[in-house]
Amino acid sequence: MSEPPLISTRDLSVHYPLRGGFIGPKPVVQAVEGVTIDIAKGNFFGLVGESGSGKTTLGRALLRAAPITRGEVVYDDGEVRYDLPTLKGDDLKEYRSRAQLIFQDPYAALSPRMTVRDIIAEPLEVMGLTKSREETDERVRAIAAKCRLNLEHLRRFPHAFSGGQRQRISIARALVSNPRFVVADESVAALDVSIQADVLNLLKEIQTEMGLTFLFISHDLSVVAHICDHVAVMYLGRLVETAPTRDLFAAPRHPYTKALLSAIPSLDPDDRGKTQKLEGEIPSPTNPPPGCKFQTRCPFAIDICRREEPKLDHLGAEHDVACHRWQELAEDRVLA
């Protein structure tokens, strides 16, 4: 019998009601709608899509930092099992120590008035995970060493560090409570390319050493290809394709996934490739189009795409796609 996933969602939806008039229903932002995923233990699970696709909201829902409107979310690490929508009290506090977030902006995420030691120690003190200052200092020094920070760094303030060093401080703060699940929300997007590679390699080393499970949120598919084991593609709050990384990059099935992959720049100046340009913008989540949500920008949309929302089809080998015409596209039987 296979081991259960660490995080499992079924029909997960996150809606935000907006203020409306006195007449008629109030508008609702459908930030995440009907998402079903399984994140295996020890997996580096990638979540990609354009800005406004619902990636961050999904990540926050898995941390219970965003309200879950509908659906099931189960966390099971072998020691404890939590049903996240009903989690509260001491169980929620315990879950906070097991699920942590690495923020996107290393400059805004750190308090300028706290030393690095105090920043990293804050989760331990807030959640009461240590019994003495000596124990707190010991755990802070241990995780700082794993994140390539030395003792001298712990006495300084954030302004004294570069972007890459600040992000390592943010990583240390997220990992000091010994979590099992970590959401990395665009955690290298604000860094230079050379620093990105260093931070990505650090995350991979720590994941292997500590046995962590990551949800890695990014809009950069080249970064996802480097670090992730499995990838899910989101569009307007819905999953449109999910597959092991190698399969997704070798044989993408959804037109949106193909468009994202074709936008990755090549290092070869003579390789212009076969690009699929996306026209227009993502529709408003308060008024999504009928049928397939991608149909307003898809060059292959037909009548059924405008009438019926496609369900995720299982292609085998953990590869799922939500497209009415994926078979025709795969067999090159569709005229652009």
Foldseek 3Di string as FASTA:
>chain_A
DDDFFQKWWFQWWAKDFDDDDPDDDTFIQGLATGDTDGFHFLFAEEEAEDPSQNLVVVLCVLLVNGQTPDTWMWGCPPPDIDTSNPDDDPRNLVSDLAEFEQDAFLVVVFDQVAFLLCLLLVNCVVSVVDDDVVVSSVLLQVLCVLLVHHPVSRGHGPVVDDRLVSSSSSVSSRPSSPHQEYEYANNCVPDDPVSSVVVLVSVQVCCVVSRHGYYYYDHQVVSCLVHGQKYFYGASNYTFKIAGSVCCLVQPQDPSSQQSNLPHDDPDPVDNDDHDDWDDDQDGSSDAQAADSCLVGDPQDDDNRRHHHFDWDDPDRGITGGDPCSVCVRVVVTDD
